[in-house]
PDB file of N, CA and C in Angstrom:
ATOM      1  N   MET A   1       0.415  13.256   3.592  1.00  0.00           N
ATOM      2  CA  MET A   1      -0.729  12.784   4.329  1.00  0.00           C
ATOM      3  C   MET A   1      -0.946  13.732   5.493  1.00  0.00           C
ATOM      4  N   SER A   2      -2.215  13.989   5.791  1.00  0.00           N
ATOM      5  CA  SER A   2      -2.509  14.935   6.860  1.00  0.00           C
ATOM      6  C   SER A   2      -3.547  14.366   7.824  1.00  0.00           C
ATOM      7  N   HIS A   3      -3.587  14.967   8.991  1.00  0.00           N
ATOM      8  CA  HIS A   3      -4.567  14.641  10.018  1.00  0.00           C
ATOM      9  C   HIS A   3      -4.980  15.954  10.657  1.00  0.00           C
ATOM     10  N   ASP A   4      -6.282  16.207  10.728  1.00  0.00           N
ATOM     11  CA  ASP A   4      -6.804  17.478  11.261  1.00  0.00           C
ATOM     12  C   ASP A   4      -6.146  18.670  10.562  1.00  0.00           C
ATOM     13  N   ARG A   5      -5.988  18.569   9.241  1.00  0.00           N
ATOM     14  CA  ARG A   5      -5.443  19.627   8.374  1.00  0.00           C
ATOM     15  C   ARG A   5      -3.977  19.935   8.608  1.00  0.00           C
ATOM     16  N   ALA A   6      -3.274  19.086   9.330  1.00  0.00           N
ATOM     17  CA  ALA A   6      -1.840  19.263   9.545  1.00  0.00           C
ATOM     18  C   ALA A   6      -1.099  18.109   8.880  1.00  0.00           C
ATOM     19  N   ASP A   7      -0.031  18.433   8.150  1.00  0.00           N
ATOM     20  CA  ASP A   7       0.763  17.379   7.509  1.00  0.00           C
ATOM     21  C   ASP A   7       1.385  16.475   8.559  1.00  0.00           C
ATOM     22  N   VAL A   8       1.340  15.172   8.289  1.00  0.00           N
ATOM     23  CA  VAL A   8       1.934  14.178   9.174  1.00  0.00           C
ATOM     24  C   VAL A   8       3.071  13.453   8.454  1.00  0.00           C
ATOM     25  N   ILE A   9       2.857  13.135   7.179  1.00  0.00           N
ATOM     26  CA  ILE A   9       3.860  12.447   6.375  1.00  0.00           C
ATOM     27  C   ILE A   9       4.183  13.304   5.158  1.00  0.00           C
ATOM     28  N   ARG A  10       5.445  13.561   4.938  1.00  0.00           N
ATOM     29  CA  ARG A  10       5.909  14.296   3.762  1.00  0.00           C
ATOM     30  C   ARG A  10       6.006  13.328   2.581  1.00  0.00           C
ATOM     31  N   PRO A  11       6.153  13.867   1.366  1.00  0.00           N
ATOM     32  CA  PRO A  11       6.366  12.961   0.224  1.00  0.00           C
ATOM     33  C   PRO A  11       7.493  11.974   0.525  1.00  0.00           C
ATOM     34  N   SER A  12       7.236  10.700   0.252  1.00  0.00           N
ATOM     35  CA  SER A  12       8.147   9.618   0.631  1.00  0.00           C
ATOM     36  C   SER A  12       8.300   8.638  -0.522  1.00  0.00           C
ATOM     37  N   ARG A  13       9.356   7.835  -0.465  1.00  0.00           N
ATOM     38  CA  ARG A  13       9.625   6.867  -1.524  1.00  0.00           C
ATOM     39  C   ARG A  13       8.808   5.596  -1.338  1.00  0.00           C
ATOM     40  N   LEU A  14       8.514   4.958  -2.461  1.00  0.00           N
ATOM     41  CA  LEU A  14       7.951   3.620  -2.444  1.00  0.00           C
ATOM     42  C   LEU A  14       8.311   2.949  -3.763  1.00  0.00           C
ATOM     43  N   GLY A  15       8.283   1.649  -3.761  1.00  0.00           N
ATOM     44  CA  GLY A  15       8.600   0.904  -4.969  1.00  0.00           C
ATOM     45  C   GLY A  15       9.532  -0.259  -4.694  1.00  0.00           C
ATOM     46  N   PHE A  16      10.083  -0.808  -5.774  1.00  0.00           N
ATOM     47  CA  PHE A  16      10.881  -2.025  -5.691  1.00  0.00           C
ATOM     48  C   PHE A  16      12.131  -1.937  -6.553  1.00  0.00           C
ATOM     49  N   ALA A  17      13.196  -2.581  -6.086  1.00  0.00           N
ATOM     50  CA  ALA A  17      14.378  -2.824  -6.900  1.00  0.00           C
ATOM     51  C   ALA A  17      14.334  -4.295  -7.280  1.00  0.00           C
ATOM     52  N   PHE A  18      14.474  -4.576  -8.576  1.00  0.00           N
ATOM     53  CA  PHE A  18      14.407  -5.947  -9.083  1.00  0.00           C
ATOM     54  C   PHE A  18      15.786  -6.445  -9.495  1.00  0.00           C
ATOM     55  N   LYS A  19      15.962  -7.742  -9.492  1.00  0.00           N
ATOM     56  CA  LYS A  19      17.160  -8.354 -10.038  1.00  0.00           C
ATOM     57  C   LYS A  19      16.979  -8.443 -11.553  1.00  0.00           C
ATOM     58  N   ASN A  20      17.960  -7.966 -12.295  1.00  0.00           N
ATOM     59  CA  ASN A  20      17.981  -8.031 -13.758  1.00  0.00           C
ATOM     60  C   ASN A  20      16.828  -7.282 -14.424  1.00  0.00           C
ATOM     61  N   ALA A  21      16.341  -6.233 -13.786  1.00  0.00           N
ATOM     62  CA  ALA A  21      15.288  -5.402 -14.377  1.00  0.00           C
ATOM     63  C   ALA A  21      15.367  -4.009 -13.757  1.00  0.00           C
ATOM     64  N   LYS A  22      14.872  -3.040 -14.479  1.00  0.00           N
ATOM     65  CA  LYS A  22      14.842  -1.660 -14.006  1.00  0.00           C
ATOM     66  C   LYS A  22      13.964  -1.561 -12.753  1.00  0.00           C
ATOM     67  N   SER A  23      14.401  -0.754 -11.781  1.00  0.00           N
ATOM     68  CA  SER A  23      13.626  -0.552 -10.556  1.00  0.00           C
ATOM     69  C   SER A  23      12.273   0.059 -10.892  1.00  0.00           C
ATOM     70  N   LEU A  24      11.316  -0.244 -10.070  1.00  0.00           N
ATOM     71  CA  LEU A  24       9.965   0.306 -10.210  1.00  0.00           C
ATOM     72  C   LEU A  24       9.740   1.222  -9.010  1.00  0.00           C
ATOM     73  N   ASP A  25      10.348   2.428  -9.073  1.00  0.00           N
ATOM     74  CA  ASP A  25      10.302   3.319  -7.926  1.00  0.00           C
ATOM     75  C   ASP A  25      10.350   4.804  -8.288  1.00  0.00           C
ATOM     76  N   GLN A  26      10.355   5.146  -9.571  1.00  0.00           N
ATOM     77  CA  GLN A  26      10.405   6.549  -9.987  1.00  0.00           C
ATOM     78  C   GLN A  26       9.493   6.766 -11.182  1.00  0.00           C
ATOM     79  N   GLY A  27       9.114   8.004 -11.387  1.00  0.00           N
ATOM     80  CA  GLY A  27       8.277   8.328 -12.534  1.00  0.00           C
ATOM     81  C   GLY A  27       6.910   7.671 -12.474  1.00  0.00           C
ATOM     82  N   LEU A  28       6.357   7.554 -11.273  1.00  0.00           N
ATOM     83  CA  LEU A  28       5.065   6.896 -11.092  1.00  0.00           C
ATOM     84  C   LEU A  28       3.946   7.917 -11.096  1.00  0.00           C
ATOM     85  N   ILE A  29       2.843   7.563 -11.709  1.00  0.00           N
ATOM     86  CA  ILE A  29       1.667   8.425 -11.678  1.00  0.00           C
ATOM     87  C   ILE A  29       0.487   7.626 -11.125  1.00  0.00           C
ATOM     88  N   VAL A  30      -0.425   8.330 -10.486  1.00  0.00           N
ATOM     89  CA  VAL A  30      -1.628   7.691  -9.951  1.00  0.00           C
ATOM     90  C   VAL A  30      -2.609   7.512 -11.097  1.00  0.00           C
ATOM     91  N   GLU A  31      -2.901   6.269 -11.408  1.00  0.00           N
ATOM     92  CA  GLU A  31      -3.841   5.951 -12.481  1.00  0.00           C
ATOM     93  C   GLU A  31      -5.281   5.935 -11.977  1.00  0.00           C
ATOM     94  N   GLY A  32      -5.438   5.660 -10.704  1.00  0.00           N
ATOM     95  CA  GLY A  32      -6.781   5.628 -10.138  1.00  0.00           C
ATOM     96  C   GLY A  32      -6.746   5.284  -8.667  1.00  0.00           C
ATOM     97  N   THR A  33      -7.871   5.509  -8.012  1.00  0.00           N
ATOM     98  CA  THR A  33      -8.026   5.152  -6.604  1.00  0.00           C
ATOM     99  C   THR A  33      -9.419   4.569  -6.409  1.00  0.00           C
ATOM    100  N   ARG A  34      -9.547   3.782  -5.360  1.00  0.00           N
ATOM    101  CA  ARG A  34     -10.860   3.228  -5.014  1.00  0.00           C
ATOM    102  C   ARG A  34     -10.944   3.115  -3.497  1.00  0.00           C
ATOM    103  N   LYS A  35     -12.012   3.655  -2.920  1.00  0.00           N
ATOM    104  CA  LYS A  35     -12.256   3.560  -1.486  1.00  0.00           C
ATOM    105  C   LYS A  35     -13.348   2.534  -1.241  1.00  0.00           C
ATOM    106  N   VAL A  36     -13.117   1.657  -0.252  1.00  0.00           N
ATOM    107  CA  VAL A  36     -14.087   0.609   0.055  1.00  0.00           C
ATOM    108  C   VAL A  36     -14.200   0.462   1.572  1.00  0.00           C
ATOM    109  N   PRO A  37     -15.397   0.704   2.130  1.00  0.00           N
ATOM    110  CA  PRO A  37     -15.600   0.381   3.542  1.00  0.00           C
ATOM    111  C   PRO A  37     -15.838  -1.126   3.685  1.00  0.00           C
ATOM    112  N   PHE A  38     -15.431  -1.700   4.814  1.00  0.00           N
ATOM    113  CA  PHE A  38     -15.566  -3.145   4.998  1.00  0.00           C
ATOM    114  C   PHE A  38     -15.935  -3.420   6.442  1.00  0.00           C
ATOM    115  N   ASP A  39     -16.907  -4.306   6.639  1.00  0.00           N
ATOM    116  CA  ASP A  39     -17.320  -4.660   7.992  1.00  0.00           C
ATOM    117  C   ASP A  39     -17.900  -6.060   7.974  1.00  0.00           C
ATOM    118  N   GLU A  40     -17.219  -6.983   8.627  1.00  0.00           N
ATOM    119  CA  GLU A  40     -17.716  -8.359   8.742  1.00  0.00           C
ATOM    120  C   GLU A  40     -17.326  -8.904  10.107  1.00  0.00           C
ATOM    121  N   THR A  41     -18.042  -9.902  10.522  1.00  0.00           N
ATOM    122  CA  THR A  41     -17.701 -10.632  11.732  1.00  0.00           C
ATOM    123  C   THR A  41     -17.598 -12.101  11.370  1.00  0.00           C
ATOM    124  N   TRP A  42     -16.500 -12.723  11.802  1.00  0.00           N
ATOM    125  CA  TRP A  42     -16.310 -14.139  11.515  1.00  0.00           C
ATOM    126  C   TRP A  42     -16.030 -14.870  12.823  1.00  0.00           C
ATOM    127  N   THR A  43     -16.310 -16.157  12.808  1.00  0.00           N
ATOM    128  CA  THR A  43     -16.178 -16.983  14.004  1.00  0.00           C
ATOM    129  C   THR A  43     -14.964 -17.883  13.869  1.00  0.00           C
ATOM    130  N   GLN A  44     -14.101 -17.817  14.882  1.00  0.00           N
ATOM    131  CA  GLN A  44     -12.945 -18.709  14.888  1.00  0.00           C
ATOM    132  C   GLN A  44     -13.247 -19.936  15.748  1.00  0.00           C
ATOM    133  N   PRO A  45     -12.715 -21.077  15.385  1.00  0.00           N
ATOM    134  CA  PRO A  45     -13.055 -22.313  16.097  1.00  0.00           C
ATOM    135  C   PRO A  45     -12.354 -22.472  17.446  1.00  0.00           C
ATOM    136  N   TRP A  46     -11.348 -21.641  17.755  1.00  0.00           N
ATOM    137  CA  TRP A  46     -10.639 -21.748  19.023  1.00  0.00           C
ATOM    138  C   TRP A  46     -10.176 -20.360  19.449  1.00  0.00           C
ATOM    139  N   GLY A  47      -9.665 -20.262  20.662  1.00  0.00           N
ATOM    140  CA  GLY A  47      -9.159 -18.985  21.168  1.00  0.00           C
ATOM    141  C   GLY A  47     -10.078 -18.375  22.203  1.00  0.00           C
ATOM    142  N   GLU A  48      -9.598 -17.304  22.816  1.00  0.00           N
ATOM    143  CA  GLU A  48     -10.350 -16.641  23.883  1.00  0.00           C
ATOM    144  C   GLU A  48     -11.556 -15.880  23.366  1.00  0.00           C
ATOM    145  N   VAL A  49     -11.437 -15.346  22.165  1.00  0.00           N
ATOM    146  CA  VAL A  49     -12.529 -14.575  21.573  1.00  0.00           C
ATOM    147  C   VAL A  49     -13.107 -15.378  20.417  1.00  0.00           C
ATOM    148  N   LYS A  50     -14.403 -15.626  20.469  1.00  0.00           N
ATOM    149  CA  LYS A  50     -15.038 -16.465  19.451  1.00  0.00           C
ATOM    150  C   LYS A  50     -15.354 -15.680  18.186  1.00  0.00           C
ATOM    151  N   ASP A  51     -15.977 -14.511  18.328  1.00  0.00           N
ATOM    152  CA  ASP A  51     -16.363 -13.715  17.169  1.00  0.00           C
ATOM    153  C   ASP A  51     -15.366 -12.589  16.960  1.00  0.00           C
ATOM    154  N   ILE A  52     -14.855 -12.482  15.749  1.00  0.00           N
ATOM    155  CA  ILE A  52     -13.843 -11.489  15.391  1.00  0.00           C
ATOM    156  C   ILE A  52     -14.456 -10.503  14.401  1.00  0.00           C
ATOM    157  N   ARG A  53     -14.370  -9.218  14.730  1.00  0.00           N
ATOM    158  CA  ARG A  53     -14.890  -8.196  13.821  1.00  0.00           C
ATOM    159  C   ARG A  53     -13.739  -7.663  12.966  1.00  0.00           C
ATOM    160  N   ASN A  54     -13.937  -7.681  11.676  1.00  0.00           N
ATOM    161  CA  ASN A  54     -12.982  -7.132  10.710  1.00  0.00           C
ATOM    162  C   ASN A  54     -13.634  -5.882  10.115  1.00  0.00           C
ATOM    163  N   HIS A  55     -13.303  -4.731  10.688  1.00  0.00           N
ATOM    164  CA  HIS A  55     -13.933  -3.474  10.284  1.00  0.00           C
ATOM    165  C   HIS A  55     -12.830  -2.481   9.914  1.00  0.00           C
ATOM    166  N   HIS A  56     -12.838  -2.024   8.655  1.00  0.00           N
ATOM    167  CA  HIS A  56     -11.822  -1.071   8.210  1.00  0.00           C
ATOM    168  C   HIS A  56     -12.325  -0.310   6.982  1.00  0.00           C
ATOM    169  N   ASN A  57     -11.624   0.753   6.671  1.00  0.00           N
ATOM    170  CA  ASN A  57     -11.811   1.478   5.419  1.00  0.00           C
ATOM    171  C   ASN A  57     -10.560   1.241   4.584  1.00  0.00           C
ATOM    172  N   GLU A  58     -10.767   0.909   3.323  1.00  0.00           N
ATOM    173  CA  GLU A  58      -9.647   0.589   2.437  1.00  0.00           C
ATOM    174  C   GLU A  58      -9.521   1.645   1.353  1.00  0.00           C
ATOM    175  N   LEU A  59      -8.276   2.024   1.056  1.00  0.00           N
ATOM    176  CA  LEU A  59      -7.964   2.889  -0.072  1.00  0.00           C
ATOM    177  C   LEU A  59      -6.978   2.144  -0.951  1.00  0.00           C
ATOM    178  N   ARG A  60      -7.384   1.893  -2.184  1.00  0.00           N
ATOM    179  CA  ARG A  60      -6.519   1.226  -3.162  1.00  0.00           C
ATOM    180  C   ARG A  60      -6.018   2.295  -4.135  1.00  0.00           C
ATOM    181  N   VAL A  61      -4.691   2.431  -4.233  1.00  0.00           N
ATOM    182  CA  VAL A  61      -4.074   3.397  -5.137  1.00  0.00           C
ATOM    183  C   VAL A  61      -3.376   2.612  -6.241  1.00  0.00           C
ATOM    184  N   ILE A  62      -3.770   2.881  -7.484  1.00  0.00           N
ATOM    185  CA  ILE A  62      -3.192   2.190  -8.641  1.00  0.00           C
ATOM    186  C   ILE A  62      -2.135   3.105  -9.247  1.00  0.00           C
ATOM    187  N   LEU A  63      -0.893   2.618  -9.254  1.00  0.00           N
ATOM    188  CA  LEU A  63       0.237   3.384  -9.771  1.00  0.00           C
ATOM    189  C   LEU A  63       0.764   2.744 -11.043  1.00  0.00           C
ATOM    190  N   VAL A  64       1.215   3.580 -11.978  1.00  0.00           N
ATOM    191  CA  VAL A  64       1.777   3.098 -13.239  1.00  0.00           C
ATOM    192  C   VAL A  64       2.972   3.974 -13.590  1.00  0.00           C
ATOM    193  N   GLU A  65       3.969   3.355 -14.217  1.00  0.00           N
ATOM    194  CA  GLU A  65       5.125   4.116 -14.683  1.00  0.00           C
ATOM    195  C   GLU A  65       4.683   5.077 -15.779  1.00  0.00           C
ATOM    196  N   ALA A  66       5.201   6.301 -15.739  1.00  0.00           N
ATOM    197  CA  ALA A  66       4.865   7.293 -16.766  1.00  0.00           C
ATOM    198  C   ALA A  66       5.466   6.894 -18.116  1.00  0.00           C
ATOM    199  N   GLY A  67       6.637   6.248 -18.104  1.00  0.00           N
ATOM    200  CA  GLY A  67       7.301   5.821 -19.333  1.00  0.00           C
ATOM    201  C   GLY A  67       7.279   4.323 -19.487  1.00  0.00           C
ATOM    202  N   GLU A  68       7.902   3.860 -20.555  1.00  0.00           N
ATOM    203  CA  GLU A  68       7.961   2.418 -20.809  1.00  0.00           C
ATOM    204  C   GLU A  68       8.789   1.733 -19.744  1.00  0.00           C
ATOM    205  N   PRO A  69       8.456   0.542 -19.360  1.00  0.00           N
ATOM    206  CA  PRO A  69       7.464  -0.362 -19.949  1.00  0.00           C
ATOM    207  C   PRO A  69       6.065  -0.253 -19.355  1.00  0.00           C
ATOM    208  N   ARG A  70       5.772   0.842 -18.632  1.00  0.00           N
ATOM    209  CA  ARG A  70       4.434   1.110 -18.076  1.00  0.00           C
ATOM    210  C   ARG A  70       3.934  -0.011 -17.148  1.00  0.00           C
ATOM    211  N   ARG A  71       4.846  -0.481 -16.287  1.00  0.00           N
ATOM    212  CA  ARG A  71       4.446  -1.475 -15.286  1.00  0.00           C
ATOM    213  C   ARG A  71       3.581  -0.799 -14.238  1.00  0.00           C
ATOM    214  N   ARG A  72       2.741  -1.577 -13.617  1.00  0.00           N
ATOM    215  CA  ARG A  72       1.841  -1.002 -12.608  1.00  0.00           C
ATOM    216  C   ARG A  72       1.861  -1.861 -11.346  1.00  0.00           C
ATOM    217  N   PHE A  73       1.490  -1.217 -10.261  1.00  0.00           N
ATOM    218  CA  PHE A  73       1.261  -1.931  -9.010  1.00  0.00           C
ATOM    219  C   PHE A  73       0.248  -1.155  -8.189  1.00  0.00           C
ATOM    220  N   HIS A  74      -0.292  -1.821  -7.196  1.00  0.00           N
ATOM    221  CA  HIS A  74      -1.295  -1.222  -6.319  1.00  0.00           C
ATOM    222  C   HIS A  74      -0.699  -1.112  -4.918  1.00  0.00           C
ATOM    223  N   VAL A  75      -1.050  -0.034  -4.230  1.00  0.00           N
ATOM    224  CA  VAL A  75      -0.770   0.085  -2.803  1.00  0.00           C
ATOM    225  C   VAL A  75      -2.131   0.111  -2.125  1.00  0.00           C
ATOM    226  N   VAL A  76      -2.349  -0.835  -1.224  1.00  0.00           N
ATOM    227  CA  VAL A  76      -3.643  -0.971  -0.550  1.00  0.00           C
ATOM    228  C   VAL A  76      -3.458  -0.588   0.916  1.00  0.00           C
ATOM    229  N   PHE A  77      -4.118   0.499   1.320  1.00  0.00           N
ATOM    230  CA  PHE A  77      -4.073   0.978   2.703  1.00  0.00           C
ATOM    231  C   PHE A  77      -5.363   0.566   3.392  1.00  0.00           C
ATOM    232  N   ARG A  78      -5.243   0.141   4.653  1.00  0.00           N
ATOM    233  CA  ARG A  78      -6.417  -0.161   5.464  1.00  0.00           C
ATOM    234  C   ARG A  78      -6.314   0.580   6.794  1.00  0.00           C
ATOM    235  N   ALA A  79      -7.376   1.313   7.111  1.00  0.00           N
ATOM    236  CA  ALA A  79      -7.435   2.059   8.367  1.00  0.00           C
ATOM    237  C   ALA A  79      -8.463   1.393   9.271  1.00  0.00           C
ATOM    238  N   TYR A  80      -7.991   0.933  10.428  1.00  0.00           N
ATOM    239  CA  TYR A  80      -8.825   0.316  11.449  1.00  0.00           C
ATOM    240  C   TYR A  80      -9.007   1.311  12.595  1.00  0.00           C
ATOM    241  N   ASP A  81      -9.868   0.996  13.540  1.00  0.00           N
ATOM    242  CA  ASP A  81     -10.049   1.868  14.696  1.00  0.00           C
ATOM    243  C   ASP A  81      -8.763   2.005  15.508  1.00  0.00           C
ATOM    244  N   ASP A  82      -7.930   0.969  15.502  1.00  0.00           N
ATOM    245  CA  ASP A  82      -6.743   0.973  16.355  1.00  0.00           C
ATOM    246  C   ASP A  82      -5.423   0.936  15.586  1.00  0.00           C
ATOM    247  N   GLY A  83      -5.434   1.236  14.287  1.00  0.00           N
ATOM    248  CA  GLY A  83      -4.180   1.251  13.548  1.00  0.00           C
ATOM    249  C   GLY A  83      -4.389   1.270  12.049  1.00  0.00           C
ATOM    250  N   VAL A  84      -3.291   1.330  11.339  1.00  0.00           N
ATOM    251  CA  VAL A  84      -3.316   1.319   9.877  1.00  0.00           C
ATOM    252  C   VAL A  84      -2.316   0.291   9.374  1.00  0.00           C
ATOM    253  N   GLY A  85      -2.534  -0.158   8.168  1.00  0.00           N
ATOM    254  CA  GLY A  85      -1.618  -1.080   7.531  1.00  0.00           C
ATOM    255  C   GLY A  85      -1.664  -0.864   6.030  1.00  0.00           C
ATOM    256  N   PHE A  86      -0.672  -1.390   5.336  1.00  0.00           N
ATOM    257  CA  PHE A  86      -0.685  -1.300   3.882  1.00  0.00           C
ATOM    258  C   PHE A  86       0.035  -2.516   3.305  1.00  0.00           C
ATOM    259  N   ARG A  87      -0.235  -2.763   2.039  1.00  0.00           N
ATOM    260  CA  ARG A  87       0.439  -3.845   1.329  1.00  0.00           C
ATOM    261  C   ARG A  87       0.555  -3.442  -0.140  1.00  0.00           C
ATOM    262  N   TYR A  88       1.471  -4.098  -0.811  1.00  0.00           N
ATOM    263  CA  TYR A  88       1.632  -3.916  -2.253  1.00  0.00           C
ATOM    264  C   TYR A  88       1.014  -5.099  -2.971  1.00  0.00           C
ATOM    265  N   GLU A  89       0.466  -4.848  -4.143  1.00  0.00           N
ATOM    266  CA  GLU A  89      -0.003  -5.907  -5.022  1.00  0.00           C
ATOM    267  C   GLU A  89       0.592  -5.656  -6.404  1.00  0.00           C
ATOM    268  N   LEU A  90       1.188  -6.687  -6.970  1.00  0.00           N
ATOM    269  CA  LEU A  90       1.733  -6.629  -8.322  1.00  0.00           C
ATOM    270  C   LEU A  90       0.850  -7.498  -9.208  1.00  0.00           C
ATOM    271  N   PRO A  91      -0.114  -6.899  -9.903  1.00  0.00           N
ATOM    272  CA  PRO A  91      -1.038  -7.701 -10.711  1.00  0.00           C
ATOM    273  C   PRO A  91      -0.330  -8.310 -11.920  1.00  0.00           C
ATOM    274  N   GLU A  92      -0.914  -9.393 -12.436  1.00  0.00           N
ATOM    275  CA  GLU A  92      -0.379  -9.994 -13.657  1.00  0.00           C
ATOM    276  C   GLU A  92      -0.424  -8.968 -14.768  1.00  0.00           C
ATOM    277  N   GLN A  93       0.672  -8.913 -15.545  1.00  0.00           N
ATOM    278  CA  GLN A  93       0.770  -7.975 -16.648  1.00  0.00           C
ATOM    279  C   GLN A  93       1.871  -8.438 -17.588  1.00  0.00           C
ATOM    280  N   PRO A  94       1.737  -8.178 -18.882  1.00  0.00           N
ATOM    281  CA  PRO A  94       2.705  -8.691 -19.856  1.00  0.00           C
ATOM    282  C   PRO A  94       4.119  -8.136 -19.663  1.00  0.00           C
ATOM    283  N   ASN A  95       4.253  -6.934 -19.126  1.00  0.00           N
ATOM    284  CA  ASN A  95       5.566  -6.324 -18.978  1.00  0.00           C
ATOM    285  C   ASN A  95       6.193  -6.538 -17.596  1.00  0.00           C
ATOM    286  N   LEU A  96       5.607  -7.443 -16.821  1.00  0.00           N
ATOM    287  CA  LEU A  96       6.158  -7.817 -15.512  1.00  0.00           C
ATOM    288  C   LEU A  96       5.745  -9.260 -15.240  1.00  0.00           C
ATOM    289  N   THR A  97       6.453 -10.183 -15.861  1.00  0.00           N
ATOM    290  CA  THR A  97       6.067 -11.590 -15.742  1.00  0.00           C
ATOM    291  C   THR A  97       6.867 -12.281 -14.649  1.00  0.00           C
ATOM    292  N   ARG A  98       8.109 -12.585 -14.908  1.00  0.00           N
ATOM    293  CA  ARG A  98       8.962 -13.232 -13.905  1.00  0.00           C
ATOM    294  C   ARG A  98       9.902 -12.174 -13.341  1.00  0.00           C
ATOM    295  N   PHE A  99       9.971 -12.094 -12.015  1.00  0.00           N
ATOM    296  CA  PHE A  99      10.829 -11.085 -11.401  1.00  0.00           C
ATOM    297  C   PHE A  99      11.258 -11.553 -10.020  1.00  0.00           C
ATOM    298  N   GLN A 100      12.361 -10.961  -9.568  1.00  0.00           N
ATOM    299  CA  GLN A 100      12.844 -11.229  -8.224  1.00  0.00           C
ATOM    300  C   GLN A 100      13.059  -9.875  -7.551  1.00  0.00           C
ATOM    301  N   ILE A 101      12.360  -9.638  -6.468  1.00  0.00           N
ATOM    302  CA  ILE A 101      12.491  -8.380  -5.733  1.00  0.00           C
ATOM    303  C   ILE A 101      13.751  -8.455  -4.877  1.00  0.00           C
ATOM    304  N   MET A 102      14.645  -7.487  -5.087  1.00  0.00           N
ATOM    305  CA  MET A 102      15.891  -7.437  -4.328  1.00  0.00           C
ATOM    306  C   MET A 102      15.804  -6.476  -3.135  1.00  0.00           C
ATOM    307  N   ASP A 103      14.952  -5.458  -3.270  1.00  0.00           N
ATOM    308  CA  ASP A 103      14.807  -4.489  -2.186  1.00  0.00           C
ATOM    309  C   ASP A 103      13.459  -3.807  -2.313  1.00  0.00           C
ATOM    310  N   GLU A 104      12.873  -3.516  -1.190  1.00  0.00           N
ATOM    311  CA  GLU A 104      11.618  -2.770  -1.150  1.00  0.00           C
ATOM    312  C   GLU A 104      11.991  -1.362  -0.699  1.00  0.00           C
ATOM    313  N   GLU A 105      11.602  -0.350  -1.471  1.00  0.00           N
ATOM    314  CA  GLU A 105      12.097   1.017  -1.313  1.00  0.00           C
ATOM    315  C   GLU A 105      11.223   1.912  -0.436  1.00  0.00           C
ATOM    316  N   THR A 106      10.301   1.360   0.317  1.00  0.00           N
ATOM    317  CA  THR A 106       9.362   2.171   1.087  1.00  0.00           C
ATOM    318  C   THR A 106      10.053   2.924   2.216  1.00  0.00           C
ATOM    319  N   GLU A 107       9.668   4.180   2.355  1.00  0.00           N
ATOM    320  CA  GLU A 107      10.107   4.984   3.488  1.00  0.00           C
ATOM    321  C   GLU A 107       8.988   5.960   3.818  1.00  0.00           C
ATOM    322  N   PHE A 108       8.885   6.318   5.071  1.00  0.00           N
ATOM    323  CA  PHE A 108       7.908   7.310   5.492  1.00  0.00           C
ATOM    324  C   PHE A 108       8.670   8.461   6.129  1.00  0.00           C
ATOM    325  N   VAL A 109       8.584   9.627   5.527  1.00  0.00           N
ATOM    326  CA  VAL A 109       9.243  10.821   6.045  1.00  0.00           C
ATOM    327  C   VAL A 109       8.217  11.580   6.876  1.00  0.00           C
ATOM    328  N   MET A 110       8.395  11.542   8.174  1.00  0.00           N
ATOM    329  CA  MET A 110       7.453  12.170   9.085  1.00  0.00           C
ATOM    330  C   MET A 110       7.775  13.657   9.248  1.00  0.00           C
ATOM    331  N   THR A 111       6.781  14.454   9.586  1.00  0.00           N
ATOM    332  CA  THR A 111       6.968  15.895   9.755  1.00  0.00           C
ATOM    333  C   THR A 111       7.533  16.251  11.124  1.00  0.00           C
ATOM    334  N   ALA A 112       7.438  15.328  12.076  1.00  0.00           N
ATOM    335  CA  ALA A 112       7.940  15.559  13.445  1.00  0.00           C
ATOM    336  C   ALA A 112       8.121  14.208  14.127  1.00  0.00           C
ATOM    337  N   SER A 113       8.463  14.244  15.382  1.00  0.00           N
ATOM    338  CA  SER A 113       8.588  13.018  16.171  1.00  0.00           C
ATOM    339  C   SER A 113       7.236  12.716  16.798  1.00  0.00           C
ATOM    340  N   HIS A 114       6.331  12.168  15.973  1.00  0.00           N
ATOM    341  CA  HIS A 114       4.954  11.923  16.409  1.00  0.00           C
ATOM    342  C   HIS A 114       4.891  10.743  17.380  1.00  0.00           C
ATOM    343  N   ARG A 115       3.886  10.767  18.252  1.00  0.00           N
ATOM    344  CA  ARG A 115       3.630   9.649  19.147  1.00  0.00           C
ATOM    345  C   ARG A 115       2.731   8.658  18.445  1.00  0.00           C
ATOM    346  N   ALA A 116       2.963   7.385  18.687  1.00  0.00           N
ATOM    347  CA  ALA A 116       2.112   6.344  18.107  1.00  0.00           C
ATOM    348  C   ALA A 116       1.674   5.389  19.179  1.00  0.00           C
TER     349      ALA A 116
END
């Protein structure tokens, strides 16, 4: 990942270790991506601020195992004016029905000691 043409994050691990199933953390290929801008304002019934603006750009990355059993998951990144966030989604699929996640393998290898 880069910012102003300079690398910020080096290639890093992501995925899951499951109980009684092969880990889903290697041999992954990008099957597709989708970018979606989002901007809405909603009203909360209490609190100091009545109207809340939810404004972000979303990048959805669809990953699939290169080999069998070809399980897939999505990584959804959201960039806001004041920060970024991400989440994983494991969609329903025949080759990943019942599972127990034992460890989440995410790591971010930074290129330097960046300020945040």
